PDB file of N, CA and C in Angstrom:
ATOM      1  N   MET A   1     109.427  71.871  99.718  1.00  0.00           N
ATOM      2  CA  MET A   1     109.221  73.253 100.136  1.00  0.00           C
ATOM      3  C   MET A   1     107.762  73.675  99.923  1.00  0.00           C
ATOM      4  N   GLY A   2     107.127  73.202  98.852  1.00  0.00           N
ATOM      5  CA  GLY A   2     105.766  73.627  98.548  1.00  0.00           C
ATOM      6  C   GLY A   2     104.730  73.085  99.503  1.00  0.00           C
ATOM      7  N   LYS A   3     105.063  72.056 100.295  1.00  0.00           N
ATOM      8  CA  LYS A   3     104.098  71.448 101.207  1.00  0.00           C
ATOM      9  C   LYS A   3     104.484  71.628 102.664  1.00  0.00           C
ATOM     10  N   GLN A   4     105.208  72.686 102.946  1.00  0.00           N
ATOM     11  CA  GLN A   4     105.596  72.937 104.322  1.00  0.00           C
ATOM     12  C   GLN A   4     104.375  73.282 105.151  1.00  0.00           C
ATOM     13  N   PHE A   5     104.384  72.851 106.397  1.00  0.00           N
ATOM     14  CA  PHE A   5     103.278  73.134 107.314  1.00  0.00           C
ATOM     15  C   PHE A   5     103.506  74.486 108.003  1.00  0.00           C
ATOM     16  N   HIS A   6     102.443  75.235 108.179  1.00  0.00           N
ATOM     17  CA  HIS A   6     102.511  76.459 108.962  1.00  0.00           C
ATOM     18  C   HIS A   6     101.190  76.658 109.689  1.00  0.00           C
ATOM     19  N   LYS A   7     101.263  77.266 110.843  1.00  0.00           N
ATOM     20  CA  LYS A   7     100.054  77.551 111.607  1.00  0.00           C
ATOM     21  C   LYS A   7      99.231  78.605 110.900  1.00  0.00           C
ATOM     22  N   SER A   8      97.900  78.517 111.015  1.00  0.00           N
ATOM     23  CA  SER A   8      97.043  79.524 110.407  1.00  0.00           C
ATOM     24  C   SER A   8      97.127  80.820 111.217  1.00  0.00           C
ATOM     25  N   PHE A   9      96.768  81.924 110.576  1.00  0.00           N
ATOM     26  CA  PHE A   9      96.764  83.209 111.257  1.00  0.00           C
ATOM     27  C   PHE A   9      95.677  83.234 112.312  1.00  0.00           C
ATOM     28  N   PRO A  10      95.924  83.862 113.452  1.00  0.00           N
ATOM     29  CA  PRO A  10      94.890  83.925 114.499  1.00  0.00           C
ATOM     30  C   PRO A  10      93.690  84.752 114.037  1.00  0.00           C
ATOM     31  N   LYS A  11      92.516  84.379 114.518  1.00  0.00           N
ATOM     32  CA  LYS A  11      91.282  85.094 114.166  1.00  0.00           C
ATOM     33  C   LYS A  11      91.254  86.488 114.773  1.00  0.00           C
ATOM     34  N   LYS A  12      91.816  86.635 115.969  1.00  0.00           N
ATOM     35  CA  LYS A  12      91.860  87.924 116.640  1.00  0.00           C
ATOM     36  C   LYS A  12      93.298  88.231 117.021  1.00  0.00           C
ATOM     37  N   SER A  13      93.597  89.517 117.079  1.00  0.00           N
ATOM     38  CA  SER A  13      94.930  89.955 117.469  1.00  0.00           C
ATOM     39  C   SER A  13      95.170  89.611 118.932  1.00  0.00           C
ATOM     40  N   THR A  14      96.360  89.149 119.239  1.00  0.00           N
ATOM     41  CA  THR A  14      96.679  88.813 120.626  1.00  0.00           C
ATOM     42  C   THR A  14      97.080  90.042 121.433  1.00  0.00           C
ATOM     43  N   SER A  15      97.466  91.111 120.756  1.00  0.00           N
ATOM     44  CA  SER A  15      97.809  92.347 121.450  1.00  0.00           C
ATOM     45  C   SER A  15      97.255  93.524 120.657  1.00  0.00           C
ATOM     46  N   ARG A  16      96.867  94.527 121.380  1.00  0.00           N
ATOM     47  CA  ARG A  16      96.310  95.718 120.745  1.00  0.00           C
ATOM     48  C   ARG A  16      96.588  96.895 121.660  1.00  0.00           C
ATOM     49  N   ALA A  17      96.856  98.042 121.075  1.00  0.00           N
ATOM     50  CA  ALA A  17      97.136  99.238 121.869  1.00  0.00           C
ATOM     51  C   ALA A  17      95.920  99.600 122.716  1.00  0.00           C
ATOM     52  N   SER A  18      96.168 100.140 123.892  1.00  0.00           N
ATOM     53  CA  SER A  18      95.085 100.522 124.799  1.00  0.00           C
ATOM     54  C   SER A  18      94.856 102.032 124.828  1.00  0.00           C
ATOM     55  N   GLN A  19      95.666 102.785 124.082  1.00  0.00           N
ATOM     56  CA  GLN A  19      95.470 104.234 123.996  1.00  0.00           C
ATOM     57  C   GLN A  19      96.001 104.745 122.669  1.00  0.00           C
ATOM     58  N   LEU A  20      95.583 105.945 122.316  1.00  0.00           N
ATOM     59  CA  LEU A  20      96.012 106.549 121.056  1.00  0.00           C
ATOM     60  C   LEU A  20      97.524 106.679 120.996  1.00  0.00           C
ATOM     61  N   LEU A  21      98.084 106.430 119.835  1.00  0.00           N
ATOM     62  CA  LEU A  21      99.502 106.604 119.511  1.00  0.00           C
ATOM     63  C   LEU A  21     100.445 105.731 120.333  1.00  0.00           C
ATOM     64  N   GLN A  22      99.922 104.730 121.035  1.00  0.00           N
ATOM     65  CA  GLN A  22     100.768 103.804 121.780  1.00  0.00           C
ATOM     66  C   GLN A  22     101.553 102.920 120.801  1.00  0.00           C
ATOM     67  N   GLU A  23     100.909 102.561 119.705  1.00  0.00           N
ATOM     68  CA  GLU A  23     101.578 101.759 118.676  1.00  0.00           C
ATOM     69  C   GLU A  23     101.059 102.196 117.315  1.00  0.00           C
ATOM     70  N   ILE A  24     101.961 102.453 116.399  1.00  0.00           N
ATOM     71  CA  ILE A  24     101.557 102.831 115.045  1.00  0.00           C
ATOM     72  C   ILE A  24     102.179 101.865 114.048  1.00  0.00           C
ATOM     73  N   HIS A  25     101.502 101.712 112.927  1.00  0.00           N
ATOM     74  CA  HIS A  25     101.983 100.866 111.825  1.00  0.00           C
ATOM     75  C   HIS A  25     102.249 101.799 110.643  1.00  0.00           C
ATOM     76  N   VAL A  26     103.390 101.635 110.024  1.00  0.00           N
ATOM     77  CA  VAL A  26     103.768 102.491 108.903  1.00  0.00           C
ATOM     78  C   VAL A  26     104.161 101.619 107.728  1.00  0.00           C
ATOM     79  N   ASP A  27     103.667 101.979 106.547  1.00  0.00           N
ATOM     80  CA  ASP A  27     104.024 101.228 105.344  1.00  0.00           C
ATOM     81  C   ASP A  27     104.201 102.209 104.195  1.00  0.00           C
ATOM     82  N   ILE A  28     105.262 102.005 103.432  1.00  0.00           N
ATOM     83  CA  ILE A  28     105.491 102.843 102.262  1.00  0.00           C
ATOM     84  C   ILE A  28     105.086 102.031 101.025  1.00  0.00           C
ATOM     85  N   CYS A  29     104.410 102.680 100.109  1.00  0.00           N
ATOM     86  CA  CYS A  29     103.937 102.022  98.880  1.00  0.00           C
ATOM     87  C   CYS A  29     104.506 102.755  97.674  1.00  0.00           C
ATOM     88  N   GLY A  30     104.886 101.998  96.684  1.00  0.00           N
ATOM     89  CA  GLY A  30     105.388 102.588  95.449  1.00  0.00           C
ATOM     90  C   GLY A  30     106.584 101.814  94.940  1.00  0.00           C
ATOM     91  N   PRO A  31     107.124 102.217  93.840  1.00  0.00           N
ATOM     92  CA  PRO A  31     106.679 103.375  93.056  1.00  0.00           C
ATOM     93  C   PRO A  31     105.391 103.062  92.303  1.00  0.00           C
ATOM     94  N   ILE A  32     104.538 104.055  92.221  1.00  0.00           N
ATOM     95  CA  ILE A  32     103.293 103.915  91.474  1.00  0.00           C
ATOM     96  C   ILE A  32     103.539 104.327  90.028  1.00  0.00           C
ATOM     97  N   LYS A  33     102.684 103.872  89.139  1.00  0.00           N
ATOM     98  CA  LYS A  33     102.904 104.077  87.709  1.00  0.00           C
ATOM     99  C   LYS A  33     102.744 105.532  87.276  1.00  0.00           C
ATOM    100  N   LEU A  34     101.824 106.259  87.907  1.00  0.00           N
ATOM    101  CA  LEU A  34     101.587 107.654  87.537  1.00  0.00           C
ATOM    102  C   LEU A  34     102.082 108.577  88.622  1.00  0.00           C
ATOM    103  N   TYR A  35     102.669 109.687  88.226  1.00  0.00           N
ATOM    104  CA  TYR A  35     103.097 110.701  89.185  1.00  0.00           C
ATOM    105  C   TYR A  35     101.877 111.347  89.840  1.00  0.00           C
ATOM    106  N   SER A  36     102.020 111.757  91.083  1.00  0.00           N
ATOM    107  CA  SER A  36     100.990 112.556  91.733  1.00  0.00           C
ATOM    108  C   SER A  36     101.064 113.974  91.171  1.00  0.00           C
ATOM    109  N   PHE A  37     100.132 114.838  91.601  1.00  0.00           N
ATOM    110  CA  PHE A  37     100.156 116.226  91.141  1.00  0.00           C
ATOM    111  C   PHE A  37     101.475 116.913  91.497  1.00  0.00           C
ATOM    112  N   SER A  38     102.076 116.496  92.612  1.00  0.00           N
ATOM    113  CA  SER A  38     103.344 117.101  93.022  1.00  0.00           C
ATOM    114  C   SER A  38     104.553 116.263  92.585  1.00  0.00           C
ATOM    115  N   LYS A  39     104.359 115.402  91.590  1.00  0.00           N
ATOM    116  CA  LYS A  39     105.429 114.605  90.962  1.00  0.00           C
ATOM    117  C   LYS A  39     106.041 113.558  91.907  1.00  0.00           C
ATOM    118  N   ASN A  40     105.229 113.010  92.801  1.00  0.00           N
ATOM    119  CA  ASN A  40     105.708 111.981  93.716  1.00  0.00           C
ATOM    120  C   ASN A  40     105.317 110.591  93.213  1.00  0.00           C
ATOM    121  N   LEU A  41     106.147 109.599  93.521  1.00  0.00           N
ATOM    122  CA  LEU A  41     105.891 108.220  93.107  1.00  0.00           C
ATOM    123  C   LEU A  41     105.596 107.286  94.282  1.00  0.00           C
ATOM    124  N   TYR A  42     105.679 107.778  95.496  1.00  0.00           N
ATOM    125  CA  TYR A  42     105.490 106.954  96.695  1.00  0.00           C
ATOM    126  C   TYR A  42     104.455 107.599  97.601  1.00  0.00           C
ATOM    127  N   PHE A  43     103.794 106.776  98.419  1.00  0.00           N
ATOM    128  CA  PHE A  43     102.928 107.311  99.451  1.00  0.00           C
ATOM    129  C   PHE A  43     103.069 106.484 100.707  1.00  0.00           C
ATOM    130  N   LEU A  44     102.669 107.044 101.820  1.00  0.00           N
ATOM    131  CA  LEU A  44     102.904 106.463 103.128  1.00  0.00           C
ATOM    132  C   LEU A  44     101.585 106.251 103.860  1.00  0.00           C
ATOM    133  N   PHE A  45     101.387 105.049 104.387  1.00  0.00           N
ATOM    134  CA  PHE A  45     100.247 104.769 105.265  1.00  0.00           C
ATOM    135  C   PHE A  45     100.743 104.863 106.703  1.00  0.00           C
ATOM    136  N   VAL A  46     100.022 105.555 107.558  1.00  0.00           N
ATOM    137  CA  VAL A  46     100.310 105.569 108.982  1.00  0.00           C
ATOM    138  C   VAL A  46      99.008 105.220 109.677  1.00  0.00           C
ATOM    139  N   ILE A  47      99.025 104.123 110.441  1.00  0.00           N
ATOM    140  CA  ILE A  47      97.809 103.628 111.072  1.00  0.00           C
ATOM    141  C   ILE A  47      98.033 103.543 112.575  1.00  0.00           C
ATOM    142  N   ASP A  48      97.171 104.169 113.336  1.00  0.00           N
ATOM    143  CA  ASP A  48      97.208 104.088 114.789  1.00  0.00           C
ATOM    144  C   ASP A  48      96.522 102.782 115.181  1.00  0.00           C
ATOM    145  N   ASP A  49      97.199 101.932 115.933  1.00  0.00           N
ATOM    146  CA  ASP A  49      96.671 100.623 116.288  1.00  0.00           C
ATOM    147  C   ASP A  49      95.413 100.707 117.137  1.00  0.00           C
ATOM    148  N   TYR A  50      95.285 101.734 117.940  1.00  0.00           N
ATOM    149  CA  TYR A  50      94.128 101.872 118.833  1.00  0.00           C
ATOM    150  C   TYR A  50      92.870 102.292 118.067  1.00  0.00           C
ATOM    151  N   SER A  51      92.998 103.230 117.177  1.00  0.00           N
ATOM    152  CA  SER A  51      91.813 103.798 116.524  1.00  0.00           C
ATOM    153  C   SER A  51      91.623 103.299 115.095  1.00  0.00           C
ATOM    154  N   ARG A  52      92.385 102.294 114.669  1.00  0.00           N
ATOM    155  CA  ARG A  52      92.334 101.843 113.272  1.00  0.00           C
ATOM    156  C   ARG A  52      90.919 101.481 112.840  1.00  0.00           C
ATOM    157  N   TYR A  53      90.683 101.692 111.586  1.00  0.00           N
ATOM    158  CA  TYR A  53      89.381 101.414 111.023  1.00  0.00           C
ATOM    159  C   TYR A  53      89.536 100.418 109.882  1.00  0.00           C
ATOM    160  N   PHE A  54      88.735  99.388 109.903  1.00  0.00           N
ATOM    161  CA  PHE A  54      88.650  98.477 108.782  1.00  0.00           C
ATOM    162  C   PHE A  54      87.221  98.553 108.265  1.00  0.00           C
ATOM    163  N   LEU A  55      87.088  98.520 106.975  1.00  0.00           N
ATOM    164  CA  LEU A  55      85.771  98.728 106.366  1.00  0.00           C
ATOM    165  C   LEU A  55      85.260  97.441 105.742  1.00  0.00           C
ATOM    166  N   LYS A  56      84.002  97.114 106.030  1.00  0.00           N
ATOM    167  CA  LYS A  56      83.380  95.947 105.417  1.00  0.00           C
ATOM    168  C   LYS A  56      82.851  96.292 104.032  1.00  0.00           C
ATOM    169  N   GLU A  57      82.470  97.548 103.844  1.00  0.00           N
ATOM    170  CA  GLU A  57      81.895  97.979 102.575  1.00  0.00           C
ATOM    171  C   GLU A  57      82.468  99.340 102.193  1.00  0.00           C
ATOM    172  N   ARG A  58      82.562  99.573 100.901  1.00  0.00           N
ATOM    173  CA  ARG A  58      83.051 100.865 100.404  1.00  0.00           C
ATOM    174  C   ARG A  58      82.117 102.008 100.806  1.00  0.00           C
ATOM    175  N   SER A  59      80.863 101.701 100.969  1.00  0.00           N
ATOM    176  CA  SER A  59      79.872 102.735 101.310  1.00  0.00           C
ATOM    177  C   SER A  59      80.071 103.309 102.708  1.00  0.00           C
ATOM    178  N   SER A  60      80.885 102.677 103.539  1.00  0.00           N
ATOM    179  CA  SER A  60      81.102 103.172 104.907  1.00  0.00           C
ATOM    180  C   SER A  60      82.283 104.137 105.011  1.00  0.00           C
ATOM    181  N   VAL A  61      82.905 104.491 103.885  1.00  0.00           N
ATOM    182  CA  VAL A  61      84.087 105.364 103.896  1.00  0.00           C
ATOM    183  C   VAL A  61      83.780 106.716 104.532  1.00  0.00           C
ATOM    184  N   PHE A  62      82.690 107.348 104.129  1.00  0.00           N
ATOM    185  CA  PHE A  62      82.402 108.694 104.617  1.00  0.00           C
ATOM    186  C   PHE A  62      82.150 108.694 106.128  1.00  0.00           C
ATOM    187  N   ASN A  63      81.370 107.741 106.628  1.00  0.00           N
ATOM    188  CA  ASN A  63      81.133 107.680 108.077  1.00  0.00           C
ATOM    189  C   ASN A  63      82.425 107.400 108.841  1.00  0.00           C
ATOM    190  N   CYS A  64      83.275 106.565 108.288  1.00  0.00           N
ATOM    191  CA  CYS A  64      84.565 106.284 108.912  1.00  0.00           C
ATOM    192  C   CYS A  64      85.408 107.554 108.969  1.00  0.00           C
ATOM    193  N   PHE A  65      85.431 108.304 107.878  1.00  0.00           N
ATOM    194  CA  PHE A  65      86.193 109.550 107.857  1.00  0.00           C
ATOM    195  C   PHE A  65      85.653 110.548 108.882  1.00  0.00           C
ATOM    196  N   LYS A  66      84.332 110.667 108.989  1.00  0.00           N
ATOM    197  CA  LYS A  66      83.737 111.591 109.965  1.00  0.00           C
ATOM    198  C   LYS A  66      84.153 111.197 111.392  1.00  0.00           C
ATOM    199  N   ASN A  67      84.157 109.907 111.700  1.00  0.00           N
ATOM    200  CA  ASN A  67      84.567 109.448 113.023  1.00  0.00           C
ATOM    201  C   ASN A  67      86.045 109.753 113.273  1.00  0.00           C
ATOM    202  N   PHE A  68      86.882 109.499 112.274  1.00  0.00           N
ATOM    203  CA  PHE A  68      88.300 109.786 112.387  1.00  0.00           C
ATOM    204  C   PHE A  68      88.532 111.276 112.607  1.00  0.00           C
ATOM    205  N   LYS A  69      87.848 112.110 111.829  1.00  0.00           N
ATOM    206  CA  LYS A  69      87.990 113.567 111.927  1.00  0.00           C
ATOM    207  C   LYS A  69      87.616 114.039 113.341  1.00  0.00           C
ATOM    208  N   ALA A  70      86.492 113.565 113.852  1.00  0.00           N
ATOM    209  CA  ALA A  70      86.057 113.966 115.198  1.00  0.00           C
ATOM    210  C   ALA A  70      87.071 113.524 116.249  1.00  0.00           C
ATOM    211  N   LEU A  71      87.586 112.321 116.123  1.00  0.00           N
ATOM    212  CA  LEU A  71      88.551 111.815 117.096  1.00  0.00           C
ATOM    213  C   LEU A  71      89.853 112.597 117.064  1.00  0.00           C
ATOM    214  N   ILE A  72      90.399 112.797 115.898  1.00  0.00           N
ATOM    215  CA  ILE A  72      91.706 113.458 115.781  1.00  0.00           C
ATOM    216  C   ILE A  72      91.623 114.925 116.177  1.00  0.00           C
ATOM    217  N   GLU A  73      90.513 115.578 115.855  1.00  0.00           N
ATOM    218  CA  GLU A  73      90.361 116.990 116.242  1.00  0.00           C
ATOM    219  C   GLU A  73      90.174 117.131 117.748  1.00  0.00           C
ATOM    220  N   LYS A  74      89.443 116.211 118.350  1.00  0.00           N
ATOM    221  CA  LYS A  74      89.235 116.264 119.789  1.00  0.00           C
ATOM    222  C   LYS A  74      90.546 116.017 120.534  1.00  0.00           C
ATOM    223  N   GLU A  75      91.310 115.041 120.099  1.00  0.00           N
ATOM    224  CA  GLU A  75      92.543 114.661 120.773  1.00  0.00           C
ATOM    225  C   GLU A  75      93.667 115.671 120.561  1.00  0.00           C
ATOM    226  N   SER A  76      93.705 116.314 119.396  1.00  0.00           N
ATOM    227  CA  SER A  76      94.849 117.182 119.093  1.00  0.00           C
ATOM    228  C   SER A  76      94.564 118.672 119.272  1.00  0.00           C
ATOM    229  N   SER A  77      93.301 119.042 119.351  1.00  0.00           N
ATOM    230  CA  SER A  77      92.884 120.449 119.411  1.00  0.00           C
ATOM    231  C   SER A  77      93.178 121.201 118.113  1.00  0.00           C
ATOM    232  N   TYR A  78      93.489 120.474 117.057  1.00  0.00           N
ATOM    233  CA  TYR A  78      93.651 121.054 115.720  1.00  0.00           C
ATOM    234  C   TYR A  78      92.464 120.631 114.877  1.00  0.00           C
ATOM    235  N   PHE A  79      92.198 121.405 113.840  1.00  0.00           N
ATOM    236  CA  PHE A  79      91.065 121.103 112.985  1.00  0.00           C
ATOM    237  C   PHE A  79      91.520 120.879 111.555  1.00  0.00           C
ATOM    238  N   ILE A  80      90.913 119.899 110.906  1.00  0.00           N
ATOM    239  CA  ILE A  80      91.192 119.652 109.500  1.00  0.00           C
ATOM    240  C   ILE A  80      90.586 120.791 108.708  1.00  0.00           C
ATOM    241  N   LYS A  81      91.381 121.410 107.880  1.00  0.00           N
ATOM    242  CA  LYS A  81      90.925 122.560 107.101  1.00  0.00           C
ATOM    243  C   LYS A  81      90.804 122.151 105.640  1.00  0.00           C
ATOM    244  N   ILE A  82      89.613 121.732 105.260  1.00  0.00           N
ATOM    245  CA  ILE A  82      89.385 121.327 103.882  1.00  0.00           C
ATOM    246  C   ILE A  82      88.123 121.997 103.361  1.00  0.00           C
ATOM    247  N   LYS A  83      88.105 122.230 102.083  1.00  0.00           N
ATOM    248  CA  LYS A  83      86.915 122.781 101.458  1.00  0.00           C
ATOM    249  C   LYS A  83      86.070 121.674 100.849  1.00  0.00           C
ATOM    250  N   SER A  84      86.730 120.572 100.486  1.00  0.00           N
ATOM    251  CA  SER A  84      85.981 119.442  99.945  1.00  0.00           C
ATOM    252  C   SER A  84      86.772 118.168 100.229  1.00  0.00           C
ATOM    253  N   LEU A  85      86.091 117.056 100.212  1.00  0.00           N
ATOM    254  CA  LEU A  85      86.711 115.755 100.431  1.00  0.00           C
ATOM    255  C   LEU A  85      86.671 114.993  99.132  1.00  0.00           C
ATOM    256  N   MET A  86      87.835 114.591  98.623  1.00  0.00           N
ATOM    257  CA  MET A  86      87.887 113.850  97.369  1.00  0.00           C
ATOM    258  C   MET A  86      88.229 112.398  97.677  1.00  0.00           C
ATOM    259  N   ILE A  87      87.418 111.489  97.177  1.00  0.00           N
ATOM    260  CA  ILE A  87      87.620 110.063  97.388  1.00  0.00           C
ATOM    261  C   ILE A  87      87.581 109.376  96.032  1.00  0.00           C
ATOM    262  N   ASP A  88      88.530 108.475  95.805  1.00  0.00           N
ATOM    263  CA  ASP A  88      88.561 107.715  94.569  1.00  0.00           C
ATOM    264  C   ASP A  88      87.628 106.517  94.720  1.00  0.00           C
ATOM    265  N   TRP A  89      86.484 106.557  94.068  1.00  0.00           N
ATOM    266  CA  TRP A  89      85.475 105.508  94.179  1.00  0.00           C
ATOM    267  C   TRP A  89      85.643 104.402  93.153  1.00  0.00           C
ATOM    268  N   GLU A  90      86.562 104.560  92.225  1.00  0.00           N
ATOM    269  CA  GLU A  90      86.747 103.551  91.184  1.00  0.00           C
ATOM    270  C   GLU A  90      87.320 102.285  91.779  1.00  0.00           C
ATOM    271  N   ARG A  91      86.908 101.169  91.236  1.00  0.00           N
ATOM    272  CA  ARG A  91      87.481  99.899  91.649  1.00  0.00           C
ATOM    273  C   ARG A  91      88.739  99.670  90.830  1.00  0.00           C
ATOM    274  N   GLY A  92      89.782  99.203  91.482  1.00  0.00           N
ATOM    275  CA  GLY A  92      91.026  99.068  90.759  1.00  0.00           C
ATOM    276  C   GLY A  92      91.749  97.811  90.938  1.00  0.00           C
TER     277      GLY A  92
END
């Protein structure tokens, strides 16, 4: 069993969405060790296959967020209403 053969993962995806919200990926994570401020132990990732962002460096988080914000506000006609953006920069 330990030496079973399997094909390697492809370098590029063979299929990808051609428009927003055509395909989404959802993953639930938890339970986490510490409660959130609202006493929750789980969180949910929702990723749009068309507009997904992968980051090569942690320093690109803010620019990625700005691009996401502009895209989602343009497409939905709603605006993100925040007074500040909090990002956990600690390595974990």
